[in-house]
Amino acid sequence: MPWTIEDVDKHNKGLSDKAKQVWIKIANAALKKCMDEDGDKCDMSAIKQANSVVGKMEKMSDEEIEKVIKEYIETQTFNLHGVEIFSAGDWNGDNYNEKDLESMITAFNEVGFKPPLKIGHNIKQEKKDGQPAIGWVDKIYKQGTKLLADFIQLPEKVYEALKRGNYKNVSSEIYWDYSKGDKIYNRVLKSVALLGADIP
């Protein structure tokens, strides 16, 4: 699209001018998110979300309405597929071959945690508990000698920065000989750091 004020009556008739403005903000935000993620039936999904929000507006004050719009847009997260995060080769004096990549993929599905995304390899950051993740690795898979990942729950600013290439450099942190119960995994993806201008 995006939708304009003239489009609102086609999807929700009888709204006040204020409700129409809210409808446009919600619908266009939802449409952008869906299309960026190559979603299906994005128009229909965005219309439903906008109709749901304006349907609750009658009992809200202006302040509450602005808060809902802000929270809705700010809390939207995005997904990004097929990001290269690692490859076979020598890294920090350690050799990784294709079998190691396959071991990481197997372990990913068995160890019971999703590796977080973070900004950089800050040692001070490592020593503090409770640092927020800026997203999560939802899936990893191999393409030739490369290891690719699907990132989920990215804040919009991080998602847009990745799309623009501001974080072309990423660095995977890997556990060696990770144990869970009575099983030891040769290689396990621990986290992925977005480096930006830093060298991997």
C-alpha atoms as a PDB file:
ATOM      1  CA  MET A   1       0.000   0.000   0.000  1.00  0.00           C
ATOM      2  CA  PRO A   2       0.510   2.013   2.366  1.00  0.00           C
ATOM      3  CA  TRP A   3      -3.034   3.025   3.267  1.00  0.00           C
ATOM      4  CA  THR A   4      -4.212   6.637   3.478  1.00  0.00           C
ATOM      5  CA  ILE A   5      -7.217   8.255   5.178  1.00  0.00           C
ATOM      6  CA  GLU A   6      -9.267   7.760   2.002  1.00  0.00           C
ATOM      7  CA  ASP A   7      -8.858   3.984   2.227  1.00  0.00           C
ATOM      8  CA  VAL A   8     -10.214   3.493   5.730  1.00  0.00           C
ATOM      9  CA  ASP A   9     -13.944   3.454   4.888  1.00  0.00           C
ATOM     10  CA  LYS A  10     -13.378   0.510   2.529  1.00  0.00           C
ATOM     11  CA  HIS A  11     -12.319  -1.611   5.496  1.00  0.00           C
ATOM     12  CA  ASN A  12     -14.086  -0.061   8.506  1.00  0.00           C
ATOM     13  CA  LYS A  13     -16.980   2.357   8.003  1.00  0.00           C
ATOM     14  CA  GLY A  14     -18.242   4.970  10.431  1.00  0.00           C
ATOM     15  CA  LEU A  15     -14.978   5.712  12.229  1.00  0.00           C
ATOM     16  CA  SER A  16     -14.238   9.177  13.597  1.00  0.00           C
ATOM     17  CA  ASP A  17     -11.335  11.129  12.121  1.00  0.00           C
ATOM     18  CA  LYS A  18      -9.215  10.258  15.161  1.00  0.00           C
ATOM     19  CA  ALA A  19     -10.052   6.549  14.870  1.00  0.00           C
ATOM     20  CA  LYS A  20      -9.150   6.663  11.174  1.00  0.00           C
ATOM     21  CA  GLN A  21      -5.721   8.084  12.010  1.00  0.00           C
ATOM     22  CA  VAL A  22      -5.184   5.291  14.535  1.00  0.00           C
ATOM     23  CA  TRP A  23      -6.370   2.712  12.013  1.00  0.00           C
ATOM     24  CA  ILE A  24      -3.834   3.955   9.433  1.00  0.00           C
ATOM     25  CA  LYS A  25      -0.916   3.890  11.903  1.00  0.00           C
ATOM     26  CA  ILE A  26      -1.677   0.354  13.069  1.00  0.00           C
ATOM     27  CA  ALA A  27      -2.512  -1.050   9.635  1.00  0.00           C
ATOM     28  CA  ASN A  28       0.599   0.381   7.958  1.00  0.00           C
ATOM     29  CA  ALA A  29       2.897  -0.755  10.790  1.00  0.00           C
ATOM     30  CA  ALA A  30       1.444  -4.279  10.648  1.00  0.00           C
ATOM     31  CA  LEU A  31       1.629  -4.347   6.835  1.00  0.00           C
ATOM     32  CA  LYS A  32       5.298  -3.297   6.837  1.00  0.00           C
ATOM     33  CA  LYS A  33       6.231  -5.987   9.344  1.00  0.00           C
ATOM     34  CA  CYS A  34       4.418  -8.727   7.429  1.00  0.00           C
ATOM     35  CA  MET A  35       5.842  -7.731   4.034  1.00  0.00           C
ATOM     36  CA  ASP A  36       9.388  -7.360   5.365  1.00  0.00           C
ATOM     37  CA  GLU A  37       9.163 -10.935   6.599  1.00  0.00           C
ATOM     38  CA  ASP A  38       7.725 -12.204   3.286  1.00  0.00           C
ATOM     39  CA  GLY A  39       4.506 -13.072   5.085  1.00  0.00           C
ATOM     40  CA  ASP A  40       1.312 -14.395   3.559  1.00  0.00           C
ATOM     41  CA  LYS A  41      -1.951 -12.427   3.154  1.00  0.00           C
ATOM     42  CA  CYS A  42      -0.364  -9.303   4.642  1.00  0.00           C
ATOM     43  CA  ASP A  43      -3.208  -6.932   3.674  1.00  0.00           C
ATOM     44  CA  MET A  44      -5.823  -9.076   5.410  1.00  0.00           C
ATOM     45  CA  SER A  45      -3.695  -9.509   8.540  1.00  0.00           C
ATOM     46  CA  ALA A  46      -2.973  -5.765   8.815  1.00  0.00           C
ATOM     47  CA  ILE A  47      -6.651  -4.854   8.372  1.00  0.00           C
ATOM     48  CA  LYS A  48      -7.695  -7.292  11.117  1.00  0.00           C
ATOM     49  CA  GLN A  49      -5.108  -5.878  13.521  1.00  0.00           C
ATOM     50  CA  ALA A  50      -6.151  -2.286  12.824  1.00  0.00           C
ATOM     51  CA  ASN A  51      -9.855  -3.121  13.211  1.00  0.00           C
ATOM     52  CA  SER A  52      -9.126  -4.844  16.525  1.00  0.00           C
ATOM     53  CA  VAL A  53      -7.344  -1.801  17.951  1.00  0.00           C
ATOM     54  CA  VAL A  54      -9.912   0.807  16.867  1.00  0.00           C
ATOM     55  CA  GLY A  55     -12.700  -1.450  18.110  1.00  0.00           C
ATOM     56  CA  LYS A  56     -11.455  -0.846  21.673  1.00  0.00           C
ATOM     57  CA  MET A  57     -11.076   2.928  21.308  1.00  0.00           C
ATOM     58  CA  GLU A  58     -14.555   4.095  22.369  1.00  0.00           C
ATOM     59  CA  LYS A  59     -13.845   3.528  26.060  1.00  0.00           C
ATOM     60  CA  MET A  60     -10.331   5.037  25.977  1.00  0.00           C
ATOM     61  CA  SER A  61      -9.093   8.537  26.733  1.00  0.00           C
ATOM     62  CA  ASP A  62      -6.853  10.339  24.229  1.00  0.00           C
ATOM     63  CA  GLU A  63      -3.874   9.594  26.466  1.00  0.00           C
ATOM     64  CA  GLU A  64      -4.709   5.876  26.565  1.00  0.00           C
ATOM     65  CA  ILE A  65      -5.108   5.787  22.780  1.00  0.00           C
ATOM     66  CA  GLU A  66      -1.661   7.341  22.235  1.00  0.00           C
ATOM     67  CA  LYS A  67      -0.174   4.879  24.702  1.00  0.00           C
ATOM     68  CA  VAL A  68      -1.730   1.928  22.844  1.00  0.00           C
ATOM     69  CA  ILE A  69      -0.388   3.152  19.494  1.00  0.00           C
ATOM     70  CA  LYS A  70       3.092   3.713  20.926  1.00  0.00           C
ATOM     71  CA  GLU A  71       3.189   0.325  22.664  1.00  0.00           C
ATOM     72  CA  TYR A  72       1.842  -1.467  19.610  1.00  0.00           C
ATOM     73  CA  ILE A  73       4.464  -0.026  17.271  1.00  0.00           C
ATOM     74  CA  GLU A  74       7.366  -0.209  19.749  1.00  0.00           C
ATOM     75  CA  THR A  75       6.685  -3.797  20.794  1.00  0.00           C
ATOM     76  CA  GLN A  76       6.496  -5.157  17.263  1.00  0.00           C
ATOM     77  CA  THR A  77       9.404  -7.431  16.528  1.00  0.00           C
ATOM     78  CA  PHE A  78      10.768  -8.703  13.232  1.00  0.00           C
ATOM     79  CA  ASN A  79      12.308 -11.905  11.891  1.00  0.00           C
ATOM     80  CA  LEU A  80      15.205 -12.253   9.459  1.00  0.00           C
ATOM     81  CA  HIS A  81      16.047 -15.443   7.580  1.00  0.00           C
ATOM     82  CA  GLY A  82      19.223 -16.858   6.047  1.00  0.00           C
ATOM     83  CA  VAL A  83      21.870 -14.773   7.827  1.00  0.00           C
ATOM     84  CA  GLU A  84      25.391 -16.185   7.496  1.00  0.00           C
ATOM     85  CA  ILE A  85      26.806 -16.593  11.005  1.00  0.00           C
ATOM     86  CA  PHE A  86      29.766 -18.971  10.581  1.00  0.00           C
ATOM     87  CA  SER A  87      31.705 -21.072   8.086  1.00  0.00           C
ATOM     88  CA  ALA A  88      34.167 -23.923   7.959  1.00  0.00           C
ATOM     89  CA  GLY A  89      37.790 -22.808   8.279  1.00  0.00           C
ATOM     90  CA  ASP A  90      40.319 -21.624  10.849  1.00  0.00           C
ATOM     91  CA  TRP A  91      38.997 -19.277  13.534  1.00  0.00           C
ATOM     92  CA  ASN A  92      41.129 -18.023  16.424  1.00  0.00           C
ATOM     93  CA  GLY A  93      43.567 -20.874  15.860  1.00  0.00           C
ATOM     94  CA  ASP A  94      40.842 -23.548  15.845  1.00  0.00           C
ATOM     95  CA  ASN A  95      39.856 -25.521  12.778  1.00  0.00           C
ATOM     96  CA  TYR A  96      36.187 -26.132  11.977  1.00  0.00           C
ATOM     97  CA  ASN A  97      35.159 -28.482   9.193  1.00  0.00           C
ATOM     98  CA  GLU A  98      31.766 -29.287   7.679  1.00  0.00           C
ATOM     99  CA  LYS A  99      31.290 -32.118  10.167  1.00  0.00           C
ATOM    100  CA  ASP A 100      31.604 -29.563  12.986  1.00  0.00           C
ATOM    101  CA  LEU A 101      28.876 -27.464  11.369  1.00  0.00           C
ATOM    102  CA  GLU A 102      26.628 -30.532  11.177  1.00  0.00           C
ATOM    103  CA  SER A 103      27.364 -31.263  14.855  1.00  0.00           C
ATOM    104  CA  MET A 104      26.283 -27.731  15.728  1.00  0.00           C
ATOM    105  CA  ILE A 105      23.034 -28.177  13.828  1.00  0.00           C
ATOM    106  CA  THR A 106      22.294 -31.481  15.589  1.00  0.00           C
ATOM    107  CA  ALA A 107      23.114 -29.999  18.994  1.00  0.00           C
ATOM    108  CA  PHE A 108      20.995 -26.903  18.314  1.00  0.00           C
ATOM    109  CA  ASN A 109      17.881 -29.063  18.210  1.00  0.00           C
ATOM    110  CA  GLU A 110      18.752 -31.020  21.356  1.00  0.00           C
ATOM    111  CA  VAL A 111      20.410 -28.804  23.978  1.00  0.00           C
ATOM    112  CA  GLY A 112      17.207 -27.035  24.964  1.00  0.00           C
ATOM    113  CA  PHE A 113      18.036 -23.326  24.595  1.00  0.00           C
ATOM    114  CA  LYS A 114      17.891 -20.718  21.855  1.00  0.00           C
ATOM    115  CA  PRO A 115      21.165 -18.800  21.430  1.00  0.00           C
ATOM    116  CA  PRO A 116      20.714 -15.053  21.989  1.00  0.00           C
ATOM    117  CA  LEU A 117      21.809 -12.218  19.744  1.00  0.00           C
ATOM    118  CA  LYS A 118      23.844  -9.465  21.377  1.00  0.00           C
ATOM    119  CA  ILE A 119      25.803  -6.381  20.449  1.00  0.00           C
ATOM    120  CA  GLY A 120      29.551  -7.075  20.375  1.00  0.00           C
ATOM    121  CA  HIS A 121      31.912  -9.169  22.510  1.00  0.00           C
ATOM    122  CA  ASN A 122      32.122  -6.848  25.495  1.00  0.00           C
ATOM    123  CA  ILE A 123      33.938  -8.574  28.387  1.00  0.00           C
ATOM    124  CA  LYS A 124      32.221  -6.363  30.979  1.00  0.00           C
ATOM    125  CA  GLN A 125      28.888  -7.296  29.425  1.00  0.00           C
ATOM    126  CA  GLU A 126      29.781 -10.998  29.709  1.00  0.00           C
ATOM    127  CA  LYS A 127      30.333 -10.691  33.448  1.00  0.00           C
ATOM    128  CA  LYS A 128      26.929  -9.188  34.190  1.00  0.00           C
ATOM    129  CA  ASP A 129      23.826 -11.302  34.642  1.00  0.00           C
ATOM    130  CA  GLY A 130      20.533 -10.340  33.066  1.00  0.00           C
ATOM    131  CA  GLN A 131      21.820  -8.501  30.001  1.00  0.00           C
ATOM    132  CA  PRO A 132      18.971  -8.221  27.470  1.00  0.00           C
ATOM    133  CA  ALA A 133      19.071 -10.197  24.239  1.00  0.00           C
ATOM    134  CA  ILE A 134      18.354  -8.192  21.087  1.00  0.00           C
ATOM    135  CA  GLY A 135      16.836 -11.234  19.414  1.00  0.00           C
ATOM    136  CA  TRP A 136      17.208 -14.992  19.247  1.00  0.00           C
ATOM    137  CA  VAL A 137      18.513 -17.636  16.868  1.00  0.00           C
ATOM    138  CA  ASP A 138      15.500 -19.751  15.962  1.00  0.00           C
ATOM    139  CA  LYS A 139      17.112 -22.162  13.499  1.00  0.00           C
ATOM    140  CA  ILE A 140      20.516 -22.965  11.988  1.00  0.00           C
ATOM    141  CA  TYR A 141      21.264 -24.835   8.777  1.00  0.00           C
ATOM    142  CA  LYS A 142      24.120 -25.470   6.393  1.00  0.00           C
ATOM    143  CA  GLN A 143      24.595 -24.148   2.879  1.00  0.00           C
ATOM    144  CA  GLY A 144      27.802 -25.572   1.451  1.00  0.00           C
ATOM    145  CA  THR A 145      30.535 -24.652   3.934  1.00  0.00           C
ATOM    146  CA  LYS A 146      28.460 -21.823   5.462  1.00  0.00           C
ATOM    147  CA  LEU A 147      26.269 -21.913   8.552  1.00  0.00           C
ATOM    148  CA  LEU A 148      23.092 -19.839   8.187  1.00  0.00           C
ATOM    149  CA  ALA A 149      20.606 -18.772  10.839  1.00  0.00           C
ATOM    150  CA  ASP A 150      17.083 -17.451  11.183  1.00  0.00           C
ATOM    151  CA  PHE A 151      16.838 -14.579  13.684  1.00  0.00           C
ATOM    152  CA  ILE A 152      13.564 -13.902  15.500  1.00  0.00           C
ATOM    153  CA  GLN A 153      12.102 -11.227  17.792  1.00  0.00           C
ATOM    154  CA  LEU A 154      14.383  -8.439  16.592  1.00  0.00           C
ATOM    155  CA  PRO A 155      13.453  -4.883  17.628  1.00  0.00           C
ATOM    156  CA  GLU A 156      12.705  -2.768  14.564  1.00  0.00           C
ATOM    157  CA  LYS A 157      15.869  -0.641  14.929  1.00  0.00           C
ATOM    158  CA  VAL A 158      18.095  -3.749  15.016  1.00  0.00           C
ATOM    159  CA  TYR A 159      16.180  -5.343  12.144  1.00  0.00           C
ATOM    160  CA  GLU A 160      16.514  -2.221   9.996  1.00  0.00           C
ATOM    161  CA  ALA A 161      20.230  -1.924  10.840  1.00  0.00           C
ATOM    162  CA  LEU A 162      20.807  -5.522   9.744  1.00  0.00           C
ATOM    163  CA  LYS A 163      18.864  -4.968   6.526  1.00  0.00           C
ATOM    164  CA  ARG A 164      20.895  -1.825   5.767  1.00  0.00           C
ATOM    165  CA  GLY A 165      24.152  -3.697   6.317  1.00  0.00           C
ATOM    166  CA  ASN A 166      25.197  -1.770   9.454  1.00  0.00           C
ATOM    167  CA  TYR A 167      26.020  -5.109  11.060  1.00  0.00           C
ATOM    168  CA  LYS A 168      27.635  -6.954   8.170  1.00  0.00           C
ATOM    169  CA  ASN A 169      30.112  -8.546  10.573  1.00  0.00           C
ATOM    170  CA  VAL A 170      28.776 -11.141  12.997  1.00  0.00           C
ATOM    171  CA  SER A 171      30.699 -13.465  15.268  1.00  0.00           C
ATOM    172  CA  SER A 172      29.453 -16.780  16.625  1.00  0.00           C
ATOM    173  CA  GLU A 173      30.402 -17.844  20.121  1.00  0.00           C
ATOM    174  CA  ILE A 174      30.715 -21.616  20.409  1.00  0.00           C
ATOM    175  CA  TYR A 175      30.850 -24.005  23.327  1.00  0.00           C
ATOM    176  CA  TRP A 176      33.285 -26.902  23.006  1.00  0.00           C
ATOM    177  CA  ASP A 177      32.407 -30.242  24.629  1.00  0.00           C
ATOM    178  CA  TYR A 178      29.130 -28.960  26.058  1.00  0.00           C
ATOM    179  CA  SER A 179      27.517 -31.452  28.416  1.00  0.00           C
ATOM    180  CA  LYS A 180      23.837 -31.948  29.044  1.00  0.00           C
ATOM    181  CA  GLY A 181      22.890 -34.843  31.267  1.00  0.00           C
ATOM    182  CA  ASP A 182      25.050 -37.765  30.259  1.00  0.00           C
ATOM    183  CA  LYS A 183      25.589 -36.498  26.705  1.00  0.00           C
ATOM    184  CA  ILE A 184      28.511 -34.389  25.492  1.00  0.00           C
ATOM    185  CA  TYR A 185      28.142 -32.266  22.374  1.00  0.00           C
ATOM    186  CA  ASN A 186      31.268 -31.578  20.342  1.00  0.00           C
ATOM    187  CA  ARG A 187      30.242 -28.052  19.254  1.00  0.00           C
ATOM    188  CA  VAL A 188      27.258 -25.956  20.385  1.00  0.00           C
ATOM    189  CA  LEU A 189      26.285 -22.468  19.256  1.00  0.00           C
ATOM    190  CA  LYS A 190      26.271 -20.299  22.378  1.00  0.00           C
ATOM    191  CA  SER A 191      25.336 -16.877  20.961  1.00  0.00           C
ATOM    192  CA  VAL A 192      25.781 -14.564  17.997  1.00  0.00           C
ATOM    193  CA  ALA A 193      27.366 -11.136  18.419  1.00  0.00           C
ATOM    194  CA  LEU A 194      26.602  -8.315  15.991  1.00  0.00           C
ATOM    195  CA  LEU A 195      29.874  -6.461  15.489  1.00  0.00           C
ATOM    196  CA  GLY A 196      29.200  -3.611  13.080  1.00  0.00           C
ATOM    197  CA  ALA A 197      32.528  -1.831  12.616  1.00  0.00           C
ATOM    198  CA  ASP A 198      34.453  -4.310  14.801  1.00  0.00           C
ATOM    199  CA  ILE A 199      36.524  -7.068  13.208  1.00  0.00           C
ATOM    200  CA  PRO A 200      35.151 -10.611  13.773  1.00  0.00           C
END
